[in-house]
């Protein structure tokens, strides 16, 4: 295996681990869990994203690659919240300034940086 493959696999495993724990808790408490093809598909896509994140971020050891995979959810959530908050802020600024003063549009690069 190349050097990035164990990092990728452990990052993907780290991304799936919280979902597996949640499913076990649901089943342990007497609930039922229904599987669907879309759940499996999006779980695999999410695991692949987490594997890429774990392979890209500097990892001192394999434990940190697993942790990078687990923390991908936080990274995606923060980026989404920042993007949603940025849109809300622009809308409220437009209302305060009046309809004629539309907010300046960010470049894709600055939009990406604001999301981080």
N, C-alpha and C. Protein backbone atom coordinates (compact mmCIF):
# COMPACT_ATOMS: atom_id res chain seq x y z
N UNK A 1 0.84 -1.19 0.00
CA UNK A 1 0.00 0.00 0.00
C UNK A 1 0.88 1.25 0.00
N UNK A 2 0.41 2.24 -0.68
CA UNK A 2 1.13 3.52 -0.68
C UNK A 2 0.91 4.21 0.67
N UNK A 3 1.62 5.28 0.90
CA UNK A 3 1.55 5.96 2.20
C UNK A 3 0.19 6.60 2.47
N UNK A 4 -0.54 7.00 1.46
CA UNK A 4 -1.81 7.68 1.67
C UNK A 4 -2.97 6.72 1.90
N UNK A 5 -2.83 5.47 1.48
CA UNK A 5 -3.95 4.53 1.57
C UNK A 5 -4.38 4.20 3.00
N UNK A 6 -3.45 3.93 3.93
CA UNK A 6 -3.92 3.69 5.31
C UNK A 6 -4.57 4.93 5.92
N UNK A 7 -4.07 6.11 5.58
CA UNK A 7 -4.67 7.34 6.08
C UNK A 7 -6.08 7.51 5.54
N UNK A 8 -6.25 7.24 4.25
CA UNK A 8 -7.56 7.34 3.62
C UNK A 8 -8.54 6.36 4.27
N UNK A 9 -8.13 5.11 4.44
CA UNK A 9 -9.02 4.09 4.99
C UNK A 9 -9.39 4.39 6.44
N UNK A 10 -8.44 4.83 7.24
CA UNK A 10 -8.76 5.14 8.63
C UNK A 10 -9.61 6.40 8.74
N UNK A 11 -9.40 7.36 7.86
CA UNK A 11 -10.27 8.54 7.84
C UNK A 11 -11.70 8.18 7.48
N UNK A 12 -11.86 7.30 6.50
CA UNK A 12 -13.19 6.85 6.11
C UNK A 12 -13.85 6.06 7.24
N UNK A 13 -13.08 5.22 7.91
CA UNK A 13 -13.60 4.47 9.04
C UNK A 13 -14.00 5.40 10.18
N UNK A 14 -13.20 6.43 10.42
CA UNK A 14 -13.53 7.41 11.45
C UNK A 14 -14.81 8.17 11.14
N UNK A 15 -15.09 8.41 9.88
CA UNK A 15 -16.31 9.11 9.50
C UNK A 15 -17.54 8.24 9.71
N UNK A 16 -17.40 6.94 9.49
CA UNK A 16 -18.53 6.03 9.62
C UNK A 16 -18.76 5.62 11.08
N UNK A 17 -17.74 5.70 11.92
CA UNK A 17 -17.83 5.23 13.30
C UNK A 17 -18.98 5.86 14.10
N UNK A 18 -19.19 7.19 14.06
CA UNK A 18 -20.31 7.75 14.83
C UNK A 18 -21.68 7.23 14.37
N UNK A 19 -21.84 7.00 13.09
CA UNK A 19 -23.10 6.47 12.57
C UNK A 19 -23.32 5.04 13.04
N UNK A 20 -22.27 4.24 13.09
CA UNK A 20 -22.38 2.87 13.57
C UNK A 20 -22.76 2.87 15.05
N UNK A 21 -22.15 3.74 15.84
CA UNK A 21 -22.49 3.84 17.26
C UNK A 21 -23.94 4.25 17.44
N UNK A 22 -24.41 5.18 16.63
CA UNK A 22 -25.80 5.62 16.71
C UNK A 22 -26.76 4.49 16.36
N UNK A 23 -26.43 3.71 15.34
CA UNK A 23 -27.28 2.59 14.95
C UNK A 23 -27.33 1.53 16.03
N UNK A 24 -26.20 1.25 16.66
CA UNK A 24 -26.15 0.27 17.74
C UNK A 24 -27.00 0.73 18.91
N UNK A 25 -26.94 2.02 19.25
CA UNK A 25 -27.77 2.54 20.34
C UNK A 25 -29.25 2.46 20.03
N UNK A 26 -29.63 2.73 18.79
CA UNK A 26 -31.04 2.62 18.40
C UNK A 26 -31.50 1.18 18.54
N UNK A 27 -30.71 0.23 18.05
CA UNK A 27 -31.09 -1.17 18.14
C UNK A 27 -31.08 -1.68 19.57
N UNK A 28 -30.15 -1.20 20.37
CA UNK A 28 -30.04 -1.63 21.77
C UNK A 28 -31.25 -1.14 22.58
N UNK A 29 -31.80 0.01 22.24
CA UNK A 29 -32.95 0.57 22.95
C UNK A 29 -34.28 0.03 22.42
N UNK A 30 -34.23 -0.98 21.58
CA UNK A 30 -35.45 -1.61 21.09
C UNK A 30 -36.04 -0.97 19.85
N UNK A 31 -35.37 -0.01 19.26
CA UNK A 31 -35.86 0.63 18.06
C UNK A 31 -35.54 -0.19 16.82
N UNK A 32 -36.08 0.23 15.72
CA UNK A 32 -35.76 -0.42 14.45
C UNK A 32 -35.04 0.58 13.56
N UNK A 33 -34.24 0.06 12.71
CA UNK A 33 -33.47 0.90 11.81
C UNK A 33 -33.71 0.43 10.40
N UNK A 34 -34.10 1.33 9.53
CA UNK A 34 -34.36 0.95 8.14
C UNK A 34 -33.21 1.42 7.26
N UNK A 35 -32.76 0.54 6.42
CA UNK A 35 -31.70 0.85 5.47
C UNK A 35 -32.32 1.26 4.15
N UNK A 36 -31.64 2.11 3.45
CA UNK A 36 -32.09 2.48 2.12
C UNK A 36 -30.86 2.60 1.22
N UNK A 37 -31.03 2.44 -0.07
CA UNK A 37 -29.89 2.60 -0.98
C UNK A 37 -29.29 4.00 -0.92
N UNK A 38 -30.12 5.02 -0.72
CA UNK A 38 -29.58 6.38 -0.65
C UNK A 38 -28.75 6.59 0.61
N UNK A 39 -29.14 5.97 1.72
CA UNK A 39 -28.35 6.06 2.94
C UNK A 39 -26.97 5.44 2.74
N UNK A 40 -26.93 4.30 2.12
CA UNK A 40 -25.65 3.63 1.86
C UNK A 40 -24.80 4.45 0.89
N UNK A 41 -25.43 4.97 -0.16
CA UNK A 41 -24.69 5.77 -1.14
C UNK A 41 -24.08 7.01 -0.51
N UNK A 42 -24.90 7.78 0.23
CA UNK A 42 -24.39 9.01 0.81
C UNK A 42 -23.40 8.74 1.95
N UNK A 43 -23.55 7.62 2.63
CA UNK A 43 -22.56 7.25 3.64
C UNK A 43 -21.21 6.95 2.99
N UNK A 44 -21.24 6.29 1.85
CA UNK A 44 -19.99 6.01 1.14
C UNK A 44 -19.36 7.29 0.59
N UNK A 45 -20.18 8.21 0.09
CA UNK A 45 -19.65 9.48 -0.40
C UNK A 45 -19.04 10.26 0.76
N UNK A 46 -19.73 10.29 1.89
CA UNK A 46 -19.23 11.00 3.07
C UNK A 46 -17.93 10.36 3.57
N UNK A 47 -17.87 9.04 3.57
CA UNK A 47 -16.65 8.35 3.99
C UNK A 47 -15.50 8.67 3.04
N UNK A 48 -15.79 8.77 1.75
CA UNK A 48 -14.73 9.11 0.79
C UNK A 48 -14.22 10.53 1.03
N UNK A 49 -15.14 11.47 1.31
CA UNK A 49 -14.71 12.84 1.62
C UNK A 49 -13.84 12.85 2.86
N UNK A 50 -14.25 12.13 3.88
CA UNK A 50 -13.46 12.07 5.12
C UNK A 50 -12.11 11.41 4.88
N UNK A 51 -12.06 10.40 4.02
CA UNK A 51 -10.78 9.78 3.68
C UNK A 51 -9.85 10.73 2.99
N UNK A 52 -10.39 11.54 2.10
CA UNK A 52 -9.57 12.54 1.41
C UNK A 52 -9.06 13.58 2.41
N UNK A 53 -9.94 14.02 3.32
CA UNK A 53 -9.53 14.99 4.34
C UNK A 53 -8.42 14.40 5.19
N UNK A 54 -8.56 13.14 5.61
CA UNK A 54 -7.54 12.50 6.43
C UNK A 54 -6.23 12.33 5.67
N UNK A 55 -6.31 12.08 4.37
CA UNK A 55 -5.09 11.91 3.59
C UNK A 55 -4.40 13.25 3.32
N UNK A 56 -5.18 14.32 3.22
CA UNK A 56 -4.60 15.64 2.92
C UNK A 56 -4.02 16.29 4.17
N UNK A 57 -4.75 16.23 5.27
CA UNK A 57 -4.27 16.87 6.50
C UNK A 57 -3.04 16.15 7.02
N UNK A 58 -2.11 16.89 7.61
CA UNK A 58 -0.91 16.23 8.14
C UNK A 58 -1.27 15.34 9.32
N UNK A 59 -0.84 14.10 9.25
CA UNK A 59 -1.12 13.13 10.31
C UNK A 59 0.18 12.60 10.86
N UNK A 60 0.37 12.76 12.16
CA UNK A 60 1.59 12.27 12.80
C UNK A 60 1.58 10.76 12.90
N UNK A 61 0.38 10.18 13.06
CA UNK A 61 0.25 8.74 13.15
C UNK A 61 -1.13 8.34 12.65
N UNK A 62 -1.43 7.06 12.74
CA UNK A 62 -2.71 6.57 12.22
C UNK A 62 -3.89 6.99 13.09
N UNK A 63 -3.65 7.21 14.38
CA UNK A 63 -4.73 7.69 15.25
C UNK A 63 -5.22 9.06 14.81
N UNK A 64 -4.30 9.91 14.41
CA UNK A 64 -4.70 11.24 13.97
C UNK A 64 -5.47 11.18 12.66
N UNK A 65 -5.17 10.22 11.81
CA UNK A 65 -5.95 10.06 10.57
C UNK A 65 -7.39 9.64 10.91
N UNK A 66 -7.55 8.75 11.90
CA UNK A 66 -8.88 8.34 12.36
C UNK A 66 -9.62 9.54 12.93
N UNK A 67 -8.94 10.35 13.73
CA UNK A 67 -9.55 11.54 14.32
C UNK A 67 -9.93 12.55 13.23
N UNK A 68 -9.10 12.70 12.22
CA UNK A 68 -9.43 13.59 11.11
C UNK A 68 -10.72 13.14 10.43
N UNK A 69 -10.89 11.84 10.30
CA UNK A 69 -12.12 11.32 9.72
C UNK A 69 -13.34 11.61 10.57
N UNK A 70 -13.19 11.45 11.89
CA UNK A 70 -14.30 11.75 12.79
C UNK A 70 -14.64 13.24 12.74
N UNK A 71 -13.63 14.08 12.68
CA UNK A 71 -13.86 15.53 12.74
C UNK A 71 -14.31 16.12 11.41
N UNK A 72 -14.41 15.34 10.37
CA UNK A 72 -14.89 15.85 9.08
C UNK A 72 -16.31 16.39 9.20
N UNK A 73 -17.12 15.76 10.05
CA UNK A 73 -18.48 16.24 10.26
C UNK A 73 -18.47 17.66 10.80
N UNK A 74 -17.58 17.94 11.74
CA UNK A 74 -17.49 19.29 12.30
C UNK A 74 -17.02 20.27 11.23
N UNK A 75 -16.06 19.86 10.43
CA UNK A 75 -15.54 20.72 9.37
C UNK A 75 -16.63 21.09 8.37
N UNK A 76 -17.39 20.10 7.94
CA UNK A 76 -18.48 20.35 6.99
C UNK A 76 -19.57 21.20 7.64
N UNK A 77 -19.89 20.90 8.89
CA UNK A 77 -20.92 21.66 9.60
C UNK A 77 -20.55 23.12 9.78
N UNK A 78 -19.30 23.38 10.15
CA UNK A 78 -18.84 24.76 10.33
C UNK A 78 -18.83 25.51 9.01
N UNK A 79 -18.41 24.84 7.94
CA UNK A 79 -18.40 25.49 6.63
C UNK A 79 -19.82 25.83 6.19
N UNK A 80 -20.75 24.92 6.43
CA UNK A 80 -22.14 25.16 6.06
C UNK A 80 -22.74 26.28 6.90
N UNK A 81 -22.47 26.29 8.21
CA UNK A 81 -23.01 27.33 9.08
C UNK A 81 -22.43 28.70 8.72
N UNK A 82 -21.15 28.73 8.40
CA UNK A 82 -20.54 30.00 8.02
C UNK A 82 -21.13 30.52 6.72
N UNK A 83 -21.35 29.62 5.77
CA UNK A 83 -21.94 30.04 4.50
C UNK A 83 -23.38 30.50 4.69
N UNK A 84 -24.14 29.80 5.50
CA UNK A 84 -25.53 30.19 5.75
C UNK A 84 -25.58 31.48 6.55
N UNK A 85 -24.70 31.64 7.53
CA UNK A 85 -24.65 32.88 8.32
C UNK A 85 -24.24 34.06 7.48
N UNK A 86 -23.32 33.83 6.55
CA UNK A 86 -22.87 34.89 5.66
C UNK A 86 -24.02 35.37 4.78
N UNK A 87 -24.84 34.45 4.30
CA UNK A 87 -25.99 34.83 3.47
C UNK A 87 -27.01 35.60 4.28
N UNK A 88 -27.27 35.16 5.53
CA UNK A 88 -28.23 35.87 6.36
C UNK A 88 -27.74 37.27 6.69
N UNK A 89 -26.46 37.40 6.96
CA UNK A 89 -25.90 38.70 7.32
C UNK A 89 -26.02 39.66 6.14
N UNK A 90 -25.76 39.17 4.95
CA UNK A 90 -25.88 40.04 3.78
C UNK A 90 -27.32 40.49 3.59
N UNK A 91 -28.28 39.60 3.82
CA UNK A 91 -29.69 39.95 3.65
C UNK A 91 -30.10 41.01 4.66
N UNK A 92 -29.68 40.86 5.91
CA UNK A 92 -30.05 41.85 6.92
C UNK A 92 -29.36 43.19 6.65
N UNK A 93 -28.14 43.16 6.13
CA UNK A 93 -27.46 44.41 5.80
C UNK A 93 -28.18 45.12 4.66
N UNK A 94 -28.69 44.37 3.73
CA UNK A 94 -29.42 44.96 2.61
C UNK A 94 -30.70 45.61 3.09
N UNK A 95 -31.41 44.96 4.02
CA UNK A 95 -32.65 45.53 4.54
C UNK A 95 -32.38 46.82 5.31
N UNK A 96 -31.27 46.83 6.08
CA UNK A 96 -30.95 48.03 6.86
C UNK A 96 -30.55 49.19 5.94
N UNK A 97 -29.80 48.89 4.90
CA UNK A 97 -29.29 49.94 4.02
C UNK A 97 -30.33 50.38 2.99
N UNK A 98 -31.35 49.60 2.79
CA UNK A 98 -32.34 49.91 1.77
C UNK A 98 -32.17 49.00 0.58
N UNK A 99 -33.16 48.94 -0.25
CA UNK A 99 -33.15 48.01 -1.38
C UNK A 99 -32.13 48.39 -2.43
N UNK A 100 -31.77 49.66 -2.53
CA UNK A 100 -30.85 50.08 -3.58
C UNK A 100 -29.40 49.71 -3.29
N UNK A 101 -29.05 49.42 -2.05
CA UNK A 101 -27.67 49.10 -1.69
C UNK A 101 -27.50 47.61 -1.52
N UNK A 102 -27.30 46.90 -2.60
CA UNK A 102 -27.09 45.46 -2.55
C UNK A 102 -25.67 45.17 -2.08
N UNK A 103 -25.48 44.11 -1.29
CA UNK A 103 -24.12 43.79 -0.81
C UNK A 103 -23.22 43.35 -1.95
N UNK A 104 -21.94 43.59 -1.77
CA UNK A 104 -20.97 43.19 -2.79
C UNK A 104 -20.89 41.67 -2.84
N UNK A 105 -20.76 41.14 -4.01
CA UNK A 105 -20.67 39.69 -4.19
C UNK A 105 -19.23 39.25 -4.00
N UNK A 106 -19.04 38.18 -3.21
CA UNK A 106 -17.71 37.67 -2.95
C UNK A 106 -17.24 36.79 -4.09
N UNK A 107 -15.93 36.79 -4.32
CA UNK A 107 -15.36 35.89 -5.32
C UNK A 107 -15.43 34.47 -4.77
N UNK A 108 -15.36 33.46 -5.63
CA UNK A 108 -15.37 32.07 -5.13
C UNK A 108 -14.26 31.79 -4.13
N UNK A 109 -13.09 32.38 -4.33
CA UNK A 109 -11.98 32.18 -3.41
C UNK A 109 -12.31 32.75 -2.02
N UNK A 110 -12.83 34.00 -1.97
CA UNK A 110 -13.16 34.61 -0.70
C UNK A 110 -14.36 33.93 -0.05
N UNK A 111 -15.28 33.44 -0.85
CA UNK A 111 -16.41 32.70 -0.31
C UNK A 111 -15.93 31.42 0.36
N UNK A 112 -14.97 30.73 -0.26
CA UNK A 112 -14.40 29.52 0.32
C UNK A 112 -13.70 29.85 1.63
N UNK A 113 -12.92 30.93 1.66
CA UNK A 113 -12.21 31.30 2.88
C UNK A 113 -13.17 31.72 3.98
N UNK A 114 -14.25 32.41 3.63
CA UNK A 114 -15.24 32.79 4.64
C UNK A 114 -15.93 31.56 5.22
N UNK A 115 -16.08 30.52 4.41
CA UNK A 115 -16.72 29.30 4.89
C UNK A 115 -15.85 28.57 5.90
N UNK A 116 -14.53 28.75 5.80
CA UNK A 116 -13.65 28.09 6.76
C UNK A 116 -13.72 28.82 8.08
